[in-house]
């Protein structure tokens, strides 16, 4: 049982080191940006993050003041 745990921990440690080679061994290294907005091809196509699109949509007023006044006058 102890052998299995030690082998598992060794495999996980090796995986972490291999995933972080650029971060650990390159000066100024960092993990690549895998976010949708960080992808140049996606930005060129106008595809963005759902959270960002939702935030932008919530900033825009649903009705202009003129539309609201007109609706109130009709009531």
PDB file of N, CA and C in Angstrom:
ATOM      1  N   UNK A   1       0.824  -1.194   0.000  1.00  0.00           N
ATOM      2  CA  UNK A   1       0.000   0.000   0.000  1.00  0.00           C
ATOM      3  C   UNK A   1       0.870   1.261   0.000  1.00  0.00           C
ATOM      4  N   UNK A   2       1.901   1.250   0.803  1.00  0.00           N
ATOM      5  CA  UNK A   2       2.798   2.404   0.879  1.00  0.00           C
ATOM      6  C   UNK A   2       3.547   2.594  -0.438  1.00  0.00           C
ATOM      7  N   UNK A   3       3.884   1.494  -1.093  1.00  0.00           N
ATOM      8  CA  UNK A   3       4.563   1.565  -2.383  1.00  0.00           C
ATOM      9  C   UNK A   3       3.697   2.280  -3.417  1.00  0.00           C
ATOM     10  N   UNK A   4       2.414   1.971  -3.433  1.00  0.00           N
ATOM     11  CA  UNK A   4       1.484   2.585  -4.385  1.00  0.00           C
ATOM     12  C   UNK A   4       1.392   4.089  -4.152  1.00  0.00           C
ATOM     13  N   UNK A   5       1.308   4.491  -2.909  1.00  0.00           N
ATOM     14  CA  UNK A   5       1.209   5.919  -2.581  1.00  0.00           C
ATOM     15  C   UNK A   5       2.491   6.654  -2.993  1.00  0.00           C
ATOM     16  N   UNK A   6       3.639   6.063  -2.719  1.00  0.00           N
ATOM     17  CA  UNK A   6       4.902   6.705  -3.082  1.00  0.00           C
ATOM     18  C   UNK A   6       5.070   6.808  -4.596  1.00  0.00           C
ATOM     19  N   UNK A   7       4.693   5.766  -5.321  1.00  0.00           N
ATOM     20  CA  UNK A   7       4.777   5.807  -6.781  1.00  0.00           C
ATOM     21  C   UNK A   7       3.833   6.874  -7.332  1.00  0.00           C
ATOM     22  N   UNK A   8       2.636   6.955  -6.753  1.00  0.00           N
ATOM     23  CA  UNK A   8       1.672   7.969  -7.190  1.00  0.00           C
ATOM     24  C   UNK A   8       2.204   9.369  -6.944  1.00  0.00           C
ATOM     25  N   UNK A   9       2.766   9.610  -5.772  1.00  0.00           N
ATOM     26  CA  UNK A   9       3.329  10.926  -5.459  1.00  0.00           C
ATOM     27  C   UNK A   9       4.499  11.252  -6.387  1.00  0.00           C
ATOM     28  N   UNK A  10       5.320  10.265  -6.706  1.00  0.00           N
ATOM     29  CA  UNK A  10       6.430  10.484  -7.625  1.00  0.00           C
ATOM     30  C   UNK A  10       5.930  10.860  -9.018  1.00  0.00           C
ATOM     31  N   UNK A  11       4.913  10.166  -9.501  1.00  0.00           N
ATOM     32  CA  UNK A  11       4.340  10.461 -10.827  1.00  0.00           C
ATOM     33  C   UNK A  11       3.749  11.873 -10.847  1.00  0.00           C
ATOM     34  N   UNK A  12       3.032  12.246  -9.796  1.00  0.00           N
ATOM     35  CA  UNK A  12       2.433  13.583  -9.730  1.00  0.00           C
ATOM     36  C   UNK A  12       3.527  14.650  -9.690  1.00  0.00           C
ATOM     37  N   UNK A  13       4.583  14.416  -8.928  1.00  0.00           N
ATOM     38  CA  UNK A  13       5.680  15.384  -8.848  1.00  0.00           C
ATOM     39  C   UNK A  13       6.364  15.552 -10.195  1.00  0.00           C
ATOM     40  N   UNK A  14       6.589  14.455 -10.904  1.00  0.00           N
ATOM     41  CA  UNK A  14       7.207  14.527 -12.230  1.00  0.00           C
ATOM     42  C   UNK A  14       6.305  15.301 -13.188  1.00  0.00           C
ATOM     43  N   UNK A  15       5.019  15.054 -13.133  1.00  0.00           N
ATOM     44  CA  UNK A  15       4.077  15.771 -14.009  1.00  0.00           C
ATOM     45  C   UNK A  15       4.092  17.267 -13.729  1.00  0.00           C
ATOM     46  N   UNK A  16       4.117  17.649 -12.463  1.00  0.00           N
ATOM     47  CA  UNK A  16       4.137  19.074 -12.112  1.00  0.00           C
ATOM     48  C   UNK A  16       5.417  19.733 -12.631  1.00  0.00           C
ATOM     49  N   UNK A  17       6.545  19.051 -12.474  1.00  0.00           N
ATOM     50  CA  UNK A  17       7.807  19.606 -12.960  1.00  0.00           C
ATOM     51  C   UNK A  17       7.779  19.736 -14.481  1.00  0.00           C
ATOM     52  N   UNK A  18       7.278  18.718 -15.175  1.00  0.00           N
ATOM     53  CA  UNK A  18       7.230  18.779 -16.636  1.00  0.00           C
ATOM     54  C   UNK A  18       6.270  19.863 -17.138  1.00  0.00           C
ATOM     55  N   UNK A  19       5.153  20.047 -16.457  1.00  0.00           N
ATOM     56  CA  UNK A  19       4.216  21.100 -16.852  1.00  0.00           C
ATOM     57  C   UNK A  19       4.799  22.495 -16.597  1.00  0.00           C
ATOM     58  N   UNK A  20       5.661  22.602 -15.589  1.00  0.00           N
ATOM     59  CA  UNK A  20       6.188  23.909 -15.226  1.00  0.00           C
ATOM     60  C   UNK A  20       7.605  24.163 -15.692  1.00  0.00           C
ATOM     61  N   UNK A  21       8.108  23.414 -16.678  1.00  0.00           N
ATOM     62  CA  UNK A  21       9.481  23.597 -17.142  1.00  0.00           C
ATOM     63  C   UNK A  21       9.733  25.049 -17.536  1.00  0.00           C
ATOM     64  N   UNK A  22       8.847  25.624 -18.315  1.00  0.00           N
ATOM     65  CA  UNK A  22       9.034  26.995 -18.777  1.00  0.00           C
ATOM     66  C   UNK A  22       8.992  27.973 -17.601  1.00  0.00           C
ATOM     67  N   UNK A  23       8.121  27.722 -16.649  1.00  0.00           N
ATOM     68  CA  UNK A  23       7.979  28.618 -15.505  1.00  0.00           C
ATOM     69  C   UNK A  23       9.181  28.505 -14.571  1.00  0.00           C
ATOM     70  N   UNK A  24       9.629  27.285 -14.334  1.00  0.00           N
ATOM     71  CA  UNK A  24      10.697  27.074 -13.362  1.00  0.00           C
ATOM     72  C   UNK A  24      12.090  27.375 -13.910  1.00  0.00           C
ATOM     73  N   UNK A  25      12.336  27.084 -15.175  1.00  0.00           N
ATOM     74  CA  UNK A  25      13.697  27.126 -15.697  1.00  0.00           C
ATOM     75  C   UNK A  25      13.984  28.246 -16.685  1.00  0.00           C
ATOM     76  N   UNK A  26      12.988  29.014 -17.102  1.00  0.00           N
ATOM     77  CA  UNK A  26      13.203  30.111 -18.038  1.00  0.00           C
ATOM     78  C   UNK A  26      13.025  31.418 -17.281  1.00  0.00           C
ATOM     79  N   UNK A  27      13.981  32.321 -17.438  1.00  0.00           N
ATOM     80  CA  UNK A  27      13.873  33.602 -16.756  1.00  0.00           C
ATOM     81  C   UNK A  27      12.692  34.383 -17.320  1.00  0.00           C
ATOM     82  N   UNK A  28      11.807  34.821 -16.444  1.00  0.00           N
ATOM     83  CA  UNK A  28      10.609  35.549 -16.868  1.00  0.00           C
ATOM     84  C   UNK A  28       9.550  34.636 -17.463  1.00  0.00           C
ATOM     85  N   UNK A  29       9.715  33.340 -17.279  1.00  0.00           N
ATOM     86  CA  UNK A  29       8.755  32.392 -17.832  1.00  0.00           C
ATOM     87  C   UNK A  29       7.435  32.437 -17.096  1.00  0.00           C
ATOM     88  N   UNK A  30       6.380  32.177 -17.804  1.00  0.00           N
ATOM     89  CA  UNK A  30       5.057  32.124 -17.186  1.00  0.00           C
ATOM     90  C   UNK A  30       4.193  31.149 -17.971  1.00  0.00           C
ATOM     91  N   UNK A  31       3.121  30.709 -17.334  1.00  0.00           N
ATOM     92  CA  UNK A  31       2.216  29.792 -17.996  1.00  0.00           C
ATOM     93  C   UNK A  31       1.517  30.510 -19.150  1.00  0.00           C
ATOM     94  N   UNK A  32       1.236  29.814 -20.239  1.00  0.00           N
ATOM     95  CA  UNK A  32       0.553  30.466 -21.356  1.00  0.00           C
ATOM     96  C   UNK A  32      -0.876  30.844 -20.984  1.00  0.00           C
ATOM     97  N   UNK A  33      -1.353  31.916 -21.579  1.00  0.00           N
ATOM     98  CA  UNK A  33      -2.721  32.361 -21.342  1.00  0.00           C
ATOM     99  C   UNK A  33      -3.655  31.492 -22.169  1.00  0.00           C
ATOM    100  N   UNK A  34      -4.430  30.657 -21.510  1.00  0.00           N
ATOM    101  CA  UNK A  34      -5.338  29.762 -22.217  1.00  0.00           C
ATOM    102  C   UNK A  34      -6.770  30.286 -22.222  1.00  0.00           C
ATOM    103  N   UNK A  35      -6.957  31.508 -21.768  1.00  0.00           N
ATOM    104  CA  UNK A  35      -8.284  32.116 -21.737  1.00  0.00           C
ATOM    105  C   UNK A  35      -8.704  32.491 -23.148  1.00  0.00           C
ATOM    106  N   UNK A  36      -9.989  32.468 -23.406  1.00  0.00           N
ATOM    107  CA  UNK A  36     -10.503  32.759 -24.743  1.00  0.00           C
ATOM    108  C   UNK A  36     -10.060  34.135 -25.217  1.00  0.00           C
ATOM    109  N   UNK A  37     -10.093  35.120 -24.336  1.00  0.00           N
ATOM    110  CA  UNK A  37      -9.721  36.477 -24.742  1.00  0.00           C
ATOM    111  C   UNK A  37      -8.223  36.609 -24.988  1.00  0.00           C
ATOM    112  N   UNK A  38      -7.423  35.646 -24.539  1.00  0.00           N
ATOM    113  CA  UNK A  38      -5.998  35.683 -24.768  1.00  0.00           C
ATOM    114  C   UNK A  38      -5.588  35.077 -26.099  1.00  0.00           C
ATOM    115  N   UNK A  39      -6.535  34.536 -26.839  1.00  0.00           N
ATOM    116  CA  UNK A  39      -6.247  33.891 -28.111  1.00  0.00           C
ATOM    117  C   UNK A  39      -6.450  34.884 -29.244  1.00  0.00           C
ATOM    118  N   UNK A  40      -5.405  35.160 -30.008  1.00  0.00           N
ATOM    119  CA  UNK A  40      -5.452  36.163 -31.068  1.00  0.00           C
ATOM    120  C   UNK A  40      -6.460  35.800 -32.157  1.00  0.00           C
ATOM    121  N   UNK A  41      -6.501  34.533 -32.560  1.00  0.00           N
ATOM    122  CA  UNK A  41      -7.427  34.099 -33.614  1.00  0.00           C
ATOM    123  C   UNK A  41      -8.882  34.282 -33.181  1.00  0.00           C
ATOM    124  N   UNK A  42      -9.169  34.018 -31.917  1.00  0.00           N
ATOM    125  CA  UNK A  42     -10.544  34.185 -31.418  1.00  0.00           C
ATOM    126  C   UNK A  42     -10.929  35.667 -31.409  1.00  0.00           C
ATOM    127  N   UNK A  43      -9.994  36.532 -30.998  1.00  0.00           N
ATOM    128  CA  UNK A  43     -10.289  37.975 -30.990  1.00  0.00           C
ATOM    129  C   UNK A  43     -10.550  38.482 -32.396  1.00  0.00           C
ATOM    130  N   UNK A  44      -9.775  37.995 -33.384  1.00  0.00           N
ATOM    131  CA  UNK A  44      -9.971  38.434 -34.766  1.00  0.00           C
ATOM    132  C   UNK A  44     -11.353  38.031 -35.284  1.00  0.00           C
ATOM    133  N   UNK A  45     -11.859  36.919 -34.816  1.00  0.00           N
ATOM    134  CA  UNK A  45     -13.194  36.456 -35.237  1.00  0.00           C
ATOM    135  C   UNK A  45     -14.312  37.094 -34.428  1.00  0.00           C
ATOM    136  N   UNK A  46     -13.953  37.862 -33.421  1.00  0.00           N
ATOM    137  CA  UNK A  46     -14.965  38.531 -32.605  1.00  0.00           C
ATOM    138  C   UNK A  46     -15.546  37.635 -31.524  1.00  0.00           C
ATOM    139  N   UNK A  47     -14.877  36.528 -31.243  1.00  0.00           N
ATOM    140  CA  UNK A  47     -15.356  35.608 -30.220  1.00  0.00           C
ATOM    141  C   UNK A  47     -14.706  35.992 -28.910  1.00  0.00           C
ATOM    142  N   UNK A  48     -15.528  36.164 -27.890  1.00  0.00           N
ATOM    143  CA  UNK A  48     -15.002  36.567 -26.596  1.00  0.00           C
ATOM    144  C   UNK A  48     -15.511  35.675 -25.495  1.00  0.00           C
ATOM    145  N   UNK A  49     -15.059  35.951 -24.325  1.00  0.00           N
ATOM    146  CA  UNK A  49     -15.450  35.205 -23.141  1.00  0.00           C
ATOM    147  C   UNK A  49     -16.918  35.503 -22.820  1.00  0.00           C
ATOM    148  N   UNK A  50     -17.643  34.494 -22.421  1.00  0.00           N
ATOM    149  CA  UNK A  50     -19.057  34.673 -22.096  1.00  0.00           C
ATOM    150  C   UNK A  50     -19.221  35.647 -20.937  1.00  0.00           C
ATOM    151  N   UNK A  51     -18.343  35.550 -19.955  1.00  0.00           N
ATOM    152  CA  UNK A  51     -18.442  36.447 -18.812  1.00  0.00           C
ATOM    153  C   UNK A  51     -18.207  37.892 -19.233  1.00  0.00           C
ATOM    154  N   UNK A  52     -17.247  38.122 -20.123  1.00  0.00           N
ATOM    155  CA  UNK A  52     -16.971  39.478 -20.603  1.00  0.00           C
ATOM    156  C   UNK A  52     -18.140  40.008 -21.426  1.00  0.00           C
ATOM    157  N   UNK A  53     -18.703  39.161 -22.276  1.00  0.00           N
ATOM    158  CA  UNK A  53     -19.843  39.579 -23.093  1.00  0.00           C
ATOM    159  C   UNK A  53     -21.040  39.901 -22.208  1.00  0.00           C
ATOM    160  N   UNK A  54     -21.251  39.112 -21.163  1.00  0.00           N
ATOM    161  CA  UNK A  54     -22.365  39.369 -20.251  1.00  0.00           C
ATOM    162  C   UNK A  54     -22.154  40.679 -19.507  1.00  0.00           C
ATOM    163  N   UNK A  55     -20.917  40.927 -19.069  1.00  0.00           N
ATOM    164  CA  UNK A  55     -20.610  42.173 -18.365  1.00  0.00           C
ATOM    165  C   UNK A  55     -20.873  43.383 -19.260  1.00  0.00           C
ATOM    166  N   UNK A  56     -20.470  43.302 -20.539  1.00  0.00           N
ATOM    167  CA  UNK A  56     -20.702  44.399 -21.478  1.00  0.00           C
ATOM    168  C   UNK A  56     -22.191  44.605 -21.732  1.00  0.00           C
ATOM    169  N   UNK A  57     -22.933  43.508 -21.842  1.00  0.00           N
ATOM    170  CA  UNK A  57     -24.369  43.607 -22.086  1.00  0.00           C
ATOM    171  C   UNK A  57     -25.088  44.234 -20.899  1.00  0.00           C
ATOM    172  N   UNK A  58     -24.622  43.963 -19.697  1.00  0.00           N
ATOM    173  CA  UNK A  58     -25.266  44.534 -18.521  1.00  0.00           C
ATOM    174  C   UNK A  58     -24.948  46.010 -18.353  1.00  0.00           C
ATOM    175  N   UNK A  59     -23.850  46.471 -18.914  1.00  0.00           N
ATOM    176  CA  UNK A  59     -23.504  47.899 -18.841  1.00  0.00           C
ATOM    177  C   UNK A  59     -24.444  48.741 -19.693  1.00  0.00           C
ATOM    178  N   UNK A  60     -24.893  48.201 -20.806  1.00  0.00           N
ATOM    179  CA  UNK A  60     -25.757  48.957 -21.709  1.00  0.00           C
ATOM    180  C   UNK A  60     -27.156  49.054 -21.108  1.00  0.00           C
ATOM    181  N   UNK A  61     -27.728  50.242 -21.118  1.00  0.00           N
ATOM    182  CA  UNK A  61     -29.095  50.357 -20.604  1.00  0.00           C
ATOM    183  C   UNK A  61     -30.068  49.640 -21.535  1.00  0.00           C
ATOM    184  N   UNK A  62     -31.053  49.028 -20.953  1.00  0.00           N
ATOM    185  CA  UNK A  62     -32.015  48.273 -21.760  1.00  0.00           C
ATOM    186  C   UNK A  62     -32.897  49.209 -22.574  1.00  0.00           C
ATOM    187  N   UNK A  63     -33.253  50.355 -22.003  1.00  0.00           N
ATOM    188  CA  UNK A  63     -34.101  51.324 -22.686  1.00  0.00           C
ATOM    189  C   UNK A  63     -33.456  52.698 -22.558  1.00  0.00           C
ATOM    190  N   UNK A  64     -33.646  53.527 -23.559  1.00  0.00           N
ATOM    191  CA  UNK A  64     -33.178  54.894 -23.441  1.00  0.00           C
ATOM    192  C   UNK A  64     -34.197  55.680 -22.611  1.00  0.00           C
ATOM    193  N   UNK A  65     -33.804  56.843 -22.158  1.00  0.00           N
ATOM    194  CA  UNK A  65     -34.696  57.658 -21.336  1.00  0.00           C
ATOM    195  C   UNK A  65     -35.929  58.066 -22.136  1.00  0.00           C
ATOM    196  N   UNK A  66     -35.731  58.347 -23.431  1.00  0.00           N
ATOM    197  CA  UNK A  66     -36.870  58.727 -24.266  1.00  0.00           C
ATOM    198  C   UNK A  66     -37.889  57.595 -24.357  1.00  0.00           C
ATOM    199  N   UNK A  67     -37.404  56.371 -24.500  1.00  0.00           N
ATOM    200  CA  UNK A  67     -38.311  55.224 -24.575  1.00  0.00           C
ATOM    201  C   UNK A  67     -39.071  55.033 -23.269  1.00  0.00           C
ATOM    202  N   UNK A  68     -38.396  55.229 -22.150  1.00  0.00           N
ATOM    203  CA  UNK A  68     -39.056  55.095 -20.860  1.00  0.00           C
ATOM    204  C   UNK A  68     -40.112  56.166 -20.655  1.00  0.00           C
ATOM    205  N   UNK A  69     -39.788  57.424 -21.052  1.00  0.00           N
ATOM    206  CA  UNK A  69     -40.771  58.502 -20.920  1.00  0.00           C
ATOM    207  C   UNK A  69     -41.977  58.259 -21.807  1.00  0.00           C
ATOM    208  N   UNK A  70     -41.736  57.779 -23.015  1.00  0.00           N
ATOM    209  CA  UNK A  70     -42.819  57.481 -23.943  1.00  0.00           C
ATOM    210  C   UNK A  70     -43.718  56.373 -23.385  1.00  0.00           C
ATOM    211  N   UNK A  71     -43.097  55.341 -22.798  1.00  0.00           N
ATOM    212  CA  UNK A  71     -43.871  54.242 -22.232  1.00  0.00           C
ATOM    213  C   UNK A  71     -44.690  54.723 -21.039  1.00  0.00           C
ATOM    214  N   UNK A  72     -44.130  55.625 -20.239  1.00  0.00           N
ATOM    215  CA  UNK A  72     -44.870  56.142 -19.085  1.00  0.00           C
ATOM    216  C   UNK A  72     -46.033  57.020 -19.501  1.00  0.00           C
ATOM    217  N   UNK A  73     -45.873  57.780 -20.593  1.00  0.00           N
ATOM    218  CA  UNK A  73     -46.943  58.645 -21.066  1.00  0.00           C
ATOM    219  C   UNK A  73     -48.093  57.807 -21.616  1.00  0.00           C
ATOM    220  N   UNK A  74     -47.785  56.682 -22.217  1.00  0.00           N
ATOM    221  CA  UNK A  74     -48.814  55.820 -22.781  1.00  0.00           C
ATOM    222  C   UNK A  74     -49.645  55.168 -21.686  1.00  0.00           C
ATOM    223  N   UNK A  75     -49.042  54.978 -20.529  1.00  0.00           N
ATOM    224  CA  UNK A  75     -49.775  54.354 -19.427  1.00  0.00           C
ATOM    225  C   UNK A  75     -50.613  55.407 -18.800  1.00  0.00           C
TER     226      UNK A  75
END
